[in-house]
């Protein structure tokens, strides 16, 4: 449970929220970047205040967490936090284990809450570890049982689409030896919307990305139903209007794959981003095919989930 914030932290939160609102309202990329930088600065100041205020408590919590490792080290899952406004829990999208959680730096984090459509600040020590998808089986086994897993999660009411797709994002990162960033986007009314994987700031810029023949990356993959492999975005003329985005978030290669449901409908896309130019190998394409098949089962409507 989050501790009460000081007046100074509340003031910083208000300023950060104001900057975020300005960034969301403007359509100019340079203005967005300016206000998002201001938001980041206020959030950084919050982190400073909170660290000083809670330093003693942090040390106690760290000792307690480390003392609990012998019995909880094997537990893995998603970090969930409580919405301050609705008191409901939601996933941060971070998949980890008890050992890593205990060693996670105690810095202020920010996650979007689906319950009240607000970004909530939280501390790792206040998050809970909740198991959503099994992680002790090979990826292929998890994929084969994706529909069954989804049915059970929906029945138990303890998971969400970001939770489920988040496990696939983690699998992609692990199987590229940490060299890739991965993300899923869902298709709605000829537009793509970020679900999980990339930072919130990136998601704001690409939310509503158009699906069509004049698009690129995931927008074009969703339109054609075919993978779009861009070895180096700086060498692709179609990327010229978007190079500022790739430069800001530090990637050169962008691979986009359609997520196709069993009825042939494109329900979303999967993307891999790399810091350096990179061609896709057969192994890479097979990994993407496996993950998109699983994602299709998880995204597509599933009747009779209680059977």
Protein backbone atom coordinates (compact mmCIF):
# COMPACT_ATOMS: atom_id res chain seq x y z
CA UNK A 1 0.00 0.00 0.00
CA UNK A 2 1.36 3.43 -0.94
CA UNK A 3 2.48 5.63 1.90
CA UNK A 4 0.99 9.11 2.25
CA UNK A 5 2.90 11.58 0.13
CA UNK A 6 4.24 14.84 1.54
CA UNK A 7 2.88 18.20 0.44
CA UNK A 8 5.96 18.76 -1.69
CA UNK A 9 5.50 15.46 -3.49
CA UNK A 10 1.82 16.22 -4.06
CA UNK A 11 2.78 19.55 -5.59
CA UNK A 12 5.30 17.83 -7.87
CA UNK A 13 2.66 15.31 -8.91
CA UNK A 14 0.31 18.13 -9.83
CA UNK A 15 3.00 19.85 -11.90
CA UNK A 16 3.89 16.57 -13.63
CA UNK A 17 0.22 15.92 -14.42
CA UNK A 18 -0.11 19.41 -15.86
CA UNK A 19 2.93 18.90 -18.10
CA UNK A 20 1.55 15.54 -19.20
CA UNK A 21 -1.77 17.16 -20.12
CA UNK A 22 0.00 19.81 -22.20
CA UNK A 23 2.02 17.11 -23.98
CA UNK A 24 -1.11 15.14 -24.75
CA UNK A 25 -2.93 18.21 -26.06
CA UNK A 26 -0.30 19.37 -28.56
CA UNK A 27 0.27 17.81 -31.96
CA UNK A 28 3.75 19.22 -32.46
CA UNK A 29 6.46 16.58 -31.81
CA UNK A 30 8.90 19.18 -30.50
CA UNK A 31 6.32 20.55 -28.07
CA UNK A 32 5.42 17.04 -26.94
CA UNK A 33 9.06 16.29 -26.24
CA UNK A 34 9.45 19.56 -24.33
CA UNK A 35 6.48 18.95 -22.03
CA UNK A 36 7.37 15.27 -21.57
CA UNK A 37 10.86 16.35 -20.46
CA UNK A 38 9.27 18.73 -17.95
CA UNK A 39 7.06 15.89 -16.70
CA UNK A 40 10.13 13.68 -16.31
CA UNK A 41 11.94 16.40 -14.38
CA UNK A 42 9.08 16.78 -11.89
CA UNK A 43 8.88 13.00 -11.46
CA UNK A 44 12.61 12.95 -10.84
CA UNK A 45 12.20 15.55 -8.11
CA UNK A 46 9.49 13.39 -6.54
CA UNK A 47 11.92 10.50 -6.52
CA UNK A 48 14.46 12.63 -4.69
CA UNK A 49 12.01 13.79 -2.03
CA UNK A 50 10.61 10.30 -1.56
CA UNK A 51 14.04 8.71 -1.27
CA UNK A 52 15.12 11.14 1.46
CA UNK A 53 11.81 10.82 3.27
CA UNK A 54 11.72 7.03 3.23
CA UNK A 55 15.43 6.13 3.42
CA UNK A 56 15.14 4.49 6.83
CA UNK A 57 12.04 2.52 5.85
CA UNK A 58 13.73 1.36 2.66
CA UNK A 59 16.66 -0.14 4.56
CA UNK A 60 14.32 -2.05 6.85
CA UNK A 61 12.25 -3.33 3.92
CA UNK A 62 15.36 -4.40 2.04
CA UNK A 63 16.63 -6.45 4.99
CA UNK A 64 13.20 -8.04 5.34
CA UNK A 65 13.00 -8.88 1.63
CA UNK A 66 16.43 -10.46 1.60
CA UNK A 67 15.62 -12.49 4.69
CA UNK A 68 12.58 -13.90 2.85
CA UNK A 69 14.49 -15.07 -0.24
CA UNK A 70 15.01 -18.64 0.98
CA UNK A 71 11.28 -19.34 0.94
CA UNK A 72 10.13 -17.11 -1.92
CA UNK A 73 13.01 -17.14 -4.42
CA UNK A 74 11.25 -19.52 -6.79
CA UNK A 75 8.12 -17.41 -7.16
CA UNK A 76 7.72 -15.53 -10.44
CA UNK A 77 4.96 -13.32 -11.79
CA UNK A 78 3.82 -9.82 -12.64
CA UNK A 79 4.12 -6.86 -10.30
CA UNK A 80 0.72 -5.45 -9.43
CA UNK A 81 -0.12 -2.30 -7.51
CA UNK A 82 -3.29 -0.79 -6.08
CA UNK A 83 -5.11 2.09 -7.75
CA UNK A 84 -5.31 4.95 -5.27
CA UNK A 85 -8.68 6.05 -6.62
CA UNK A 86 -10.57 2.76 -6.97
CA UNK A 87 -8.55 0.55 -4.55
CA UNK A 88 -8.42 -2.08 -7.31
CA UNK A 89 -5.20 -3.84 -8.26
CA UNK A 90 -3.69 -3.64 -11.75
CA UNK A 91 -0.56 -4.95 -13.44
CA UNK A 92 2.49 -2.76 -14.01
CA UNK A 93 3.45 -4.97 -16.97
CA UNK A 94 6.73 -5.94 -15.26
CA UNK A 95 7.45 -9.67 -15.09
CA UNK A 96 10.05 -10.72 -12.53
CA UNK A 97 10.86 -13.14 -9.71
CA UNK A 98 11.14 -12.74 -5.95
CA UNK A 99 14.94 -12.58 -5.99
CA UNK A 100 15.03 -9.84 -8.62
CA UNK A 101 12.23 -7.95 -6.89
CA UNK A 102 14.17 -7.87 -3.62
CA UNK A 103 17.20 -6.46 -5.45
CA UNK A 104 15.23 -3.96 -7.55
CA UNK A 105 16.41 -0.37 -6.91
CA UNK A 106 13.95 1.53 -4.77
CA UNK A 107 13.13 4.32 -7.17
CA UNK A 108 9.79 5.83 -8.02
CA UNK A 109 8.06 4.12 -10.96
CA UNK A 110 5.10 5.21 -13.05
CA UNK A 111 2.38 2.94 -14.52
CA UNK A 112 -0.85 3.61 -16.34
CA UNK A 113 -3.96 2.48 -14.44
CA UNK A 114 -6.74 1.01 -16.62
CA UNK A 115 -9.30 1.55 -13.84
CA UNK A 116 -9.14 5.35 -13.70
CA UNK A 117 -7.06 6.12 -16.82
CA UNK A 118 -4.38 7.83 -14.72
CA UNK A 119 -0.65 7.27 -14.31
CA UNK A 120 0.15 6.26 -10.74
CA UNK A 121 3.57 6.57 -9.08
CA UNK A 122 4.63 3.53 -7.06
CA UNK A 123 7.61 2.00 -5.28
CA UNK A 124 8.85 -1.56 -5.86
CA UNK A 125 8.47 -2.38 -2.15
CA UNK A 126 4.74 -1.56 -2.41
CA UNK A 127 4.11 -3.90 -5.37
CA UNK A 128 2.89 -7.49 -5.09
CA UNK A 129 4.10 -10.44 -7.14
CA UNK A 130 1.20 -12.27 -8.80
CA UNK A 131 1.60 -15.38 -10.93
CA UNK A 132 -0.31 -15.11 -14.20
CA UNK A 133 1.34 -17.40 -16.73
CA UNK A 134 3.51 -20.48 -16.03
CA UNK A 135 7.16 -19.81 -16.79
CA UNK A 136 8.74 -23.17 -15.98
CA UNK A 137 7.82 -24.71 -19.34
CA UNK A 138 9.38 -24.24 -22.79
CA UNK A 139 7.96 -21.40 -24.85
CA UNK A 140 6.45 -23.81 -27.39
CA UNK A 141 4.50 -25.56 -24.63
CA UNK A 142 3.16 -22.26 -23.31
CA UNK A 143 2.12 -21.25 -26.84
CA UNK A 144 0.32 -24.53 -27.48
CA UNK A 145 -1.68 -24.02 -24.30
CA UNK A 146 -2.29 -20.28 -24.78
CA UNK A 147 -6.06 -20.60 -25.22
CA UNK A 148 -6.32 -22.87 -22.17
CA UNK A 149 -4.23 -20.44 -20.11
CA UNK A 150 -6.38 -17.53 -21.23
CA UNK A 151 -9.56 -19.40 -20.31
CA UNK A 152 -8.27 -20.14 -16.82
CA UNK A 153 -7.02 -16.61 -16.25
CA UNK A 154 -10.34 -15.10 -17.39
CA UNK A 155 -12.27 -17.56 -15.23
CA UNK A 156 -10.20 -16.69 -12.16
CA UNK A 157 -10.41 -12.98 -12.97
CA UNK A 158 -6.76 -12.32 -12.08
CA UNK A 159 -5.30 -11.34 -15.43
CA UNK A 160 -5.63 -8.85 -18.25
CA UNK A 161 -4.52 -8.65 -21.87
CA UNK A 162 -1.35 -6.67 -20.97
CA UNK A 163 -0.55 -9.35 -18.36
CA UNK A 164 -0.89 -12.16 -20.88
CA UNK A 165 0.96 -10.45 -23.72
CA UNK A 166 3.58 -9.26 -21.26
CA UNK A 167 4.75 -12.84 -20.81
CA UNK A 168 5.27 -13.10 -24.57
CA UNK A 169 7.23 -9.83 -24.57
CA UNK A 170 9.49 -11.24 -21.88
CA UNK A 171 9.96 -14.44 -23.88
CA UNK A 172 11.00 -12.42 -26.94
CA UNK A 173 13.56 -10.45 -24.94
CA UNK A 174 14.99 -13.59 -23.37
CA UNK A 175 15.30 -15.41 -26.70
CA UNK A 176 17.15 -12.50 -28.29
CA UNK A 177 19.57 -12.45 -25.34
CA UNK A 178 18.26 -9.10 -24.23
CA UNK A 179 19.22 -7.40 -27.49
CA UNK A 180 15.64 -6.61 -28.53
CA UNK A 181 12.79 -4.60 -27.20
CA UNK A 182 9.40 -6.08 -28.00
CA UNK A 183 5.86 -4.76 -28.07
CA UNK A 184 2.31 -5.72 -28.98
CA UNK A 185 -0.27 -3.46 -30.58
CA UNK A 186 -3.98 -4.15 -30.97
CA UNK A 187 -5.94 -3.24 -34.11
CA UNK A 188 -9.12 -1.20 -33.69
CA UNK A 189 -10.96 0.55 -36.50
CA UNK A 190 -8.00 0.86 -38.89
CA UNK A 191 -5.70 2.03 -36.12
CA UNK A 192 -3.11 0.42 -33.87
CA UNK A 193 -2.93 0.97 -30.13
CA UNK A 194 -0.02 0.00 -27.89
CA UNK A 195 -0.79 -2.73 -25.34
CA UNK A 196 2.51 -3.64 -23.70
CA UNK A 197 6.27 -3.51 -24.22
CA UNK A 198 7.43 0.02 -25.00
CA UNK A 199 7.70 2.97 -22.58
CA UNK A 200 4.59 5.02 -21.91
CA UNK A 201 6.18 8.04 -23.60
CA UNK A 202 6.69 6.04 -26.81
CA UNK A 203 3.14 4.70 -26.64
CA UNK A 204 1.78 8.26 -26.55
CA UNK A 205 3.53 9.14 -29.80
CA UNK A 206 2.33 6.10 -31.76
CA UNK A 207 -1.15 5.65 -30.31
CA UNK A 208 -3.63 5.58 -33.18
CA UNK A 209 -0.99 4.66 -35.79
CA UNK A 210 -2.80 4.28 -39.11
CA UNK A 211 -3.26 0.89 -40.78
CA UNK A 212 -2.98 1.38 -44.52
CA UNK A 213 -0.91 1.09 -47.72
CA UNK A 214 0.86 4.41 -47.11
CA UNK A 215 1.84 3.47 -43.57
CA UNK A 216 5.05 1.79 -42.42
CA UNK A 217 6.23 -0.77 -39.87
CA UNK A 218 3.29 -2.18 -37.90
CA UNK A 219 0.73 -0.09 -39.81
CA UNK A 220 1.84 -1.64 -43.08
CA UNK A 221 2.22 -5.14 -41.60
CA UNK A 222 -1.37 -5.01 -40.35
CA UNK A 223 -2.59 -3.82 -43.78
CA UNK A 224 -0.71 -6.36 -45.89
CA UNK A 225 -0.81 -9.26 -43.45
CA UNK A 226 2.91 -9.76 -44.08
CA UNK A 227 6.03 -9.11 -41.95
CA UNK A 228 7.75 -5.79 -42.57
CA UNK A 229 11.47 -6.15 -41.82
CA UNK A 230 13.37 -2.86 -41.75
CA UNK A 231 17.07 -3.56 -41.29
CA UNK A 232 17.97 0.09 -40.76
CA UNK A 233 15.28 2.76 -40.42
CA UNK A 234 17.80 5.49 -41.26
CA UNK A 235 18.22 3.97 -44.76
CA UNK A 236 14.50 3.58 -45.48
CA UNK A 237 12.93 6.67 -47.15
CA UNK A 238 9.49 5.86 -45.73
CA UNK A 239 10.92 6.27 -42.22
CA UNK A 240 12.18 9.81 -42.82
CA UNK A 241 9.20 11.53 -41.07
CA UNK A 242 9.66 9.19 -38.09
CA UNK A 243 13.43 9.17 -37.63
CA UNK A 244 13.09 11.62 -34.74
CA UNK A 245 11.16 8.92 -32.90
CA UNK A 246 13.69 6.15 -33.54
CA UNK A 247 16.52 8.50 -32.55
CA UNK A 248 14.78 9.54 -29.33
CA UNK A 249 14.14 5.95 -28.26
CA UNK A 250 17.40 4.51 -29.54
CA UNK A 251 16.66 1.89 -32.18
CA UNK A 252 17.83 1.35 -35.76
CA UNK A 253 16.15 -1.90 -36.78
CA UNK A 254 12.39 -2.33 -36.61
CA UNK A 255 10.64 -5.59 -37.45
CA UNK A 256 6.85 -5.71 -37.58
CA UNK A 257 4.65 -8.81 -37.74
CA UNK A 258 0.87 -9.11 -38.15
CA UNK A 259 -1.12 -11.01 -35.53
CA UNK A 260 -3.73 -12.99 -37.46
CA UNK A 261 -6.73 -14.70 -35.84
CA UNK A 262 -7.95 -18.12 -36.95
CA UNK A 263 -10.62 -16.48 -39.12
CA UNK A 264 -7.98 -14.54 -41.06
CA UNK A 265 -8.66 -11.20 -39.41
CA UNK A 266 -5.66 -9.10 -38.37
CA UNK A 267 -6.23 -8.37 -34.68
CA UNK A 268 -2.92 -6.69 -33.88
CA UNK A 269 0.82 -6.58 -34.52
CA UNK A 270 4.04 -7.59 -32.83
CA UNK A 271 7.21 -5.50 -33.10
CA UNK A 272 10.88 -6.05 -32.33
CA UNK A 273 13.29 -3.11 -32.01
CA UNK A 274 17.10 -3.29 -32.03
CA UNK A 275 19.70 -0.64 -31.23
CA UNK A 276 21.82 -1.56 -34.27
CA UNK A 277 20.89 -2.41 -37.88
CA UNK A 278 19.92 -6.05 -38.09
CA UNK A 279 18.53 -8.52 -40.61
CA UNK A 280 16.03 -11.15 -39.47
CA UNK A 281 17.30 -14.73 -39.52
CA UNK A 282 15.18 -17.83 -40.00
CA UNK A 283 15.36 -18.38 -36.24
CA UNK A 284 14.12 -14.83 -35.65
CA UNK A 285 11.19 -15.33 -38.02
CA UNK A 286 10.27 -18.64 -36.39
CA UNK A 287 10.28 -16.97 -32.97
CA UNK A 288 8.02 -14.18 -34.23
CA UNK A 289 5.66 -16.73 -35.81
CA UNK A 290 5.41 -18.64 -32.54
CA UNK A 291 4.73 -15.50 -30.51
CA UNK A 292 2.17 -14.07 -32.93
CA UNK A 293 0.26 -17.37 -32.97
CA UNK A 294 0.03 -17.22 -29.20
CA UNK A 295 -0.94 -13.56 -29.25
CA UNK A 296 -3.74 -14.29 -31.73
CA UNK A 297 -5.25 -16.77 -29.26
CA UNK A 298 -4.95 -14.30 -26.42
CA UNK A 299 -6.30 -11.25 -28.27
CA UNK A 300 -9.15 -12.91 -30.17
CA UNK A 301 -12.57 -13.12 -28.47
CA UNK A 302 -13.00 -16.49 -26.82
CA UNK A 303 -16.58 -17.73 -26.23
CA UNK A 304 -17.56 -20.12 -23.47
CA UNK A 305 -14.56 -19.30 -21.28
CA UNK A 306 -16.30 -20.80 -18.25
CA UNK A 307 -16.68 -24.24 -19.73
